[in-house]
Amino acid sequence: MNLREQHRDVAAYALGVLGPADAFRFEEHLSECVLCAVQLSDFTPIASALSDLSGPGRPEQPPAPRLLERLLHEVALRRRNSSRRRLRLVAAAAALIVALPAVAAGLAGGRTAGGKGGPDERIAATDSATGVYGAVDLRSADWGTSVALRMARLPGPRTCVLVAVGKDGKEHTVTTWSVPSRGYGIPGSPEAAEPLDVEVGTALRREEIGRFEVRTVRGEHLVSLAR
């Protein structure tokens, strides 16, 4: 289960429809994810309020456009058919559509107030030989540099490593990860369309970094991200 899938599991976890293994993994993710914790704490009242909108007193202007309108219509149909379980699932999905932008905006607003609304630097490249795409968003920190990594067009299976190369030529391993056989961010593949997103860090100061290298653990070059 990747990070994006865990973000989307808030509704399923709150409704108790996750299997034991997925629920355990989500709880581990929840202990470290502020966004999911906020969504989970807000989920119940938002779902209840959204459910009320499908009654006779629903306002003319819905809180979201066409998709939410269709979901509200579905809620009304489920009520008439007395299918309570389906009603809860539809309301849950619509609640997340309404809640997620507000929560994300609130968190983003907090970062902006601190002067850290976006990365200090962004580097992206697609390797002409391998076709692998990589990008890093860099943000300076007291302890070094925060690195948000995105990888796409990355086939598997393989194990990869992100290396920060200092301007002095010394290499510093930032992180390693496994790529499943389906890969990440593969065009035209429904099961592997999502890119890989990882947030990591290095003790190197941003001004000390010359470039980043993505390789396999066997030393195969995948893509270089040069400043």
Protein backbone atom coordinates (compact mmCIF):
# COMPACT_ATOMS: atom_id res chain seq x y z
CA MET A 1 0.00 0.00 0.00
CA ASN A 2 1.63 3.27 -1.08
CA LEU A 3 1.30 6.66 0.56
CA ARG A 4 -1.49 7.89 -1.74
CA GLU A 5 -3.52 4.72 -1.13
CA GLN A 6 -3.17 5.22 2.63
CA HIS A 7 -4.39 8.83 2.33
CA ARG A 8 -7.49 7.53 0.53
CA ASP A 9 -8.19 4.90 3.21
CA VAL A 10 -9.53 7.41 5.78
CA ALA A 11 -13.19 6.80 4.82
CA ALA A 12 -12.84 3.02 4.65
CA TYR A 13 -11.06 2.92 8.02
CA ALA A 14 -13.67 5.14 9.69
CA LEU A 15 -16.47 2.92 8.38
CA GLY A 16 -14.68 -0.26 9.48
CA VAL A 17 -14.52 -1.83 6.03
CA LEU A 18 -10.74 -2.29 5.82
CA GLY A 19 -9.36 -5.78 6.28
CA PRO A 20 -7.25 -6.46 9.39
CA ALA A 21 -3.91 -6.16 7.54
CA ASP A 22 -4.86 -2.93 5.76
CA ALA A 23 -6.32 -1.48 8.96
CA PHE A 24 -3.06 -2.21 10.81
CA ARG A 25 -1.00 -0.54 8.07
CA PHE A 26 -3.33 2.45 8.05
CA GLU A 27 -3.02 2.86 11.84
CA GLU A 28 0.77 2.88 11.49
CA HIS A 29 0.44 5.54 8.75
CA LEU A 30 -2.08 7.52 10.84
CA SER A 31 0.38 7.89 13.74
CA GLU A 32 2.71 9.90 11.47
CA CYS A 33 0.27 11.66 9.09
CA VAL A 34 -1.22 14.95 10.30
CA LEU A 35 -3.45 15.25 7.22
CA CYS A 36 -5.15 11.87 7.75
CA ALA A 37 -5.50 12.49 11.50
CA VAL A 38 -7.30 15.78 10.84
CA GLN A 39 -9.54 14.16 8.20
CA LEU A 40 -10.41 11.29 10.52
CA SER A 41 -11.29 13.58 13.43
CA ASP A 42 -13.48 15.71 11.17
CA PHE A 43 -15.01 12.83 9.25
CA THR A 44 -18.07 12.00 11.37
CA PRO A 45 -19.63 15.49 11.64
CA ILE A 46 -18.88 16.26 7.98
CA ALA A 47 -20.49 13.02 6.80
CA SER A 48 -23.53 13.68 8.97
CA ALA A 49 -23.90 17.24 7.69
CA LEU A 50 -23.51 16.09 4.10
CA SER A 51 -26.14 13.41 4.59
CA ASP A 52 -28.59 16.05 5.80
CA LEU A 53 -28.11 17.98 2.56
CA SER A 54 -29.92 15.28 0.61
CA GLY A 55 -33.23 15.98 2.44
CA PRO A 56 -35.98 18.44 1.49
CA GLY A 57 -34.08 21.38 2.95
CA ARG A 58 -30.99 21.01 0.78
CA PRO A 59 -29.84 24.47 -0.42
CA GLU A 60 -29.97 25.37 -4.08
CA GLN A 61 -26.21 25.92 -4.28
CA PRO A 62 -24.37 22.66 -3.39
CA PRO A 63 -20.98 22.80 -1.62
CA ALA A 64 -19.26 21.16 -4.62
CA PRO A 65 -20.03 20.92 -8.37
CA ARG A 66 -21.35 18.07 -10.52
CA LEU A 67 -19.68 15.13 -8.80
CA LEU A 68 -21.02 16.10 -5.38
CA GLU A 69 -24.46 16.75 -6.89
CA ARG A 70 -24.54 13.20 -8.25
CA LEU A 71 -23.45 11.82 -4.89
CA LEU A 72 -26.20 13.72 -3.09
CA HIS A 73 -28.72 12.35 -5.55
CA GLU A 74 -27.39 8.87 -4.84
CA VAL A 75 -27.79 9.47 -1.10
CA ALA A 76 -31.47 10.32 -1.62
CA LEU A 77 -32.01 7.18 -3.71
CA ARG A 78 -30.36 5.02 -1.07
CA ARG A 79 -32.55 6.50 1.63
CA ARG A 80 -35.68 5.72 -0.34
CA ASN A 81 -34.45 2.16 -0.85
CA SER A 82 -33.48 1.86 2.85
CA SER A 83 -29.99 0.71 1.97
CA ARG A 84 -28.23 2.13 5.02
CA ARG A 85 -24.80 0.66 4.40
CA ARG A 86 -24.57 2.05 0.88
CA LEU A 87 -25.80 5.41 2.13
CA ARG A 88 -22.94 5.60 4.60
CA LEU A 89 -20.38 4.75 1.94
CA VAL A 90 -21.71 7.33 -0.55
CA ALA A 91 -21.88 10.02 2.14
CA ALA A 92 -18.35 9.12 3.23
CA ALA A 93 -16.96 9.54 -0.27
CA ALA A 94 -18.71 12.88 -0.75
CA ALA A 95 -17.58 14.05 2.69
CA LEU A 96 -13.97 13.48 1.76
CA ILE A 97 -14.43 15.46 -1.47
CA VAL A 98 -15.65 18.41 0.61
CA ALA A 99 -13.24 17.99 3.52
CA LEU A 100 -9.94 17.38 1.77
CA PRO A 101 -9.55 20.78 0.03
CA ALA A 102 -10.46 22.63 3.24
CA VAL A 103 -8.04 20.62 5.36
CA ALA A 104 -5.26 20.92 2.80
CA ALA A 105 -5.85 24.67 2.49
CA GLY A 106 -5.70 25.06 6.24
CA LEU A 107 -2.42 23.17 6.49
CA ALA A 108 -0.99 25.07 3.54
CA GLY A 109 -2.05 28.33 5.14
CA GLY A 110 -0.15 27.44 8.27
CA ARG A 111 3.02 26.80 6.26
CA THR A 112 2.62 30.02 4.32
CA ALA A 113 2.32 32.00 7.52
CA GLY A 114 5.70 30.62 8.53
CA GLY A 115 7.25 31.63 5.21
CA LYS A 116 7.47 28.01 3.96
CA GLY A 117 4.59 27.76 1.54
CA GLY A 118 6.60 26.08 -1.23
CA PRO A 119 9.98 24.55 -2.00
CA ASP A 120 13.10 26.69 -2.13
CA GLU A 121 14.19 24.88 -5.28
CA ARG A 122 12.80 22.31 -7.71
CA ILE A 123 14.85 20.07 -9.99
CA ALA A 124 13.31 17.70 -12.55
CA ALA A 125 14.59 15.64 -15.47
CA THR A 126 13.77 12.70 -17.73
CA ASP A 127 16.72 10.52 -18.69
CA SER A 128 17.02 10.22 -22.46
CA ALA A 129 18.44 6.70 -22.27
CA THR A 130 16.31 5.04 -19.58
CA GLY A 131 13.14 7.14 -19.96
CA VAL A 132 12.88 7.41 -16.15
CA TYR A 133 11.45 10.68 -14.77
CA GLY A 134 12.60 12.14 -11.47
CA ALA A 135 11.98 15.37 -9.56
CA VAL A 136 13.00 16.76 -6.18
CA ASP A 137 11.59 19.70 -4.23
CA LEU A 138 14.23 21.06 -1.86
CA ARG A 139 13.62 23.07 1.28
CA SER A 140 16.38 24.33 3.57
CA ALA A 141 16.16 23.33 7.23
CA ASP A 142 18.26 23.82 10.35
CA TRP A 143 19.34 20.17 10.21
CA GLY A 144 20.12 20.10 6.46
CA THR A 145 17.76 19.84 3.47
CA SER A 146 14.24 18.42 3.21
CA VAL A 147 13.78 16.45 -0.01
CA ALA A 148 10.41 15.59 -1.59
CA LEU A 149 11.09 13.00 -4.28
CA ARG A 150 8.79 12.04 -7.17
CA MET A 151 9.54 9.19 -9.56
CA ALA A 152 7.62 8.12 -12.67
CA ARG A 153 8.12 5.95 -15.75
CA LEU A 154 9.95 3.66 -13.34
CA PRO A 155 9.50 -0.04 -14.19
CA GLY A 156 10.07 -2.85 -11.72
CA PRO A 157 10.92 -5.02 -10.03
CA ARG A 158 14.08 -3.45 -8.67
CA THR A 159 15.51 -1.72 -5.61
CA CYS A 160 16.55 1.91 -6.04
CA VAL A 161 18.67 4.41 -4.16
CA LEU A 162 18.65 8.22 -4.13
CA VAL A 163 22.14 9.67 -3.73
CA ALA A 164 23.00 13.32 -3.02
CA VAL A 165 26.34 14.26 -4.58
CA GLY A 166 28.03 17.18 -2.84
CA LYS A 167 29.85 19.88 -4.73
CA ASP A 168 33.02 18.32 -3.31
CA GLY A 169 32.20 15.10 -5.15
CA LYS A 170 31.34 13.06 -2.05
CA GLU A 171 28.24 10.89 -2.24
CA HIS A 172 25.60 10.68 0.50
CA THR A 173 22.85 8.05 0.40
CA VAL A 174 19.49 9.75 1.06
CA THR A 175 17.03 6.83 0.85
CA THR A 176 16.34 3.45 -0.74
CA TRP A 177 13.06 1.88 -1.86
CA SER A 178 11.67 -1.17 -3.62
CA VAL A 179 9.79 -0.94 -6.91
CA PRO A 180 7.08 -3.60 -7.40
CA SER A 181 6.88 -5.49 -10.67
CA ARG A 182 4.09 -3.19 -11.93
CA GLY A 183 6.34 -0.12 -11.52
CA TYR A 184 5.40 3.50 -10.75
CA GLY A 185 3.95 6.17 -13.02
CA ILE A 186 3.80 3.90 -16.07
CA PRO A 187 1.83 5.59 -18.91
CA GLY A 188 -1.18 3.57 -20.05
CA SER A 189 -1.08 1.22 -17.05
CA PRO A 190 -4.22 1.54 -14.87
CA GLU A 191 -2.62 -0.33 -11.97
CA ALA A 192 0.65 1.64 -12.05
CA ALA A 193 -0.44 5.11 -13.18
CA GLU A 194 0.40 6.73 -9.82
CA PRO A 195 3.95 8.07 -9.44
CA LEU A 196 6.06 7.35 -6.37
CA ASP A 197 6.16 10.21 -3.84
CA VAL A 198 8.61 10.06 -0.91
CA GLU A 199 9.57 12.72 1.63
CA VAL A 200 13.08 12.32 2.99
CA GLY A 201 16.05 14.48 3.99
CA THR A 202 19.81 14.86 3.93
CA ALA A 203 22.27 16.45 6.34
CA LEU A 204 23.84 18.33 3.42
CA ARG A 205 22.97 22.01 3.20
CA ARG A 206 21.15 22.95 0.03
CA GLU A 207 24.07 25.07 -1.15
CA GLU A 208 26.40 22.08 -0.65
CA ILE A 209 24.47 19.83 -3.03
CA GLY A 210 25.75 19.52 -6.59
CA ARG A 211 23.21 17.01 -7.95
CA PHE A 212 21.09 13.97 -7.15
CA GLU A 213 21.51 10.54 -8.71
CA VAL A 214 18.88 7.79 -8.84
CA ARG A 215 20.35 4.31 -9.35
CA THR A 216 19.56 0.70 -8.66
CA VAL A 217 21.38 -0.85 -5.72
CA ARG A 218 23.43 -2.75 -8.32
CA GLY A 219 24.73 0.53 -9.70
CA GLU A 220 22.54 0.89 -12.81
CA HIS A 221 22.02 4.58 -13.62
CA LEU A 222 18.37 5.67 -13.89
CA VAL A 223 18.28 9.49 -13.89
CA SER A 224 20.41 12.46 -12.81
CA LEU A 225 18.97 15.62 -11.28
CA ALA A 226 21.54 18.35 -11.72
CA ARG A 227 21.13 21.89 -10.45
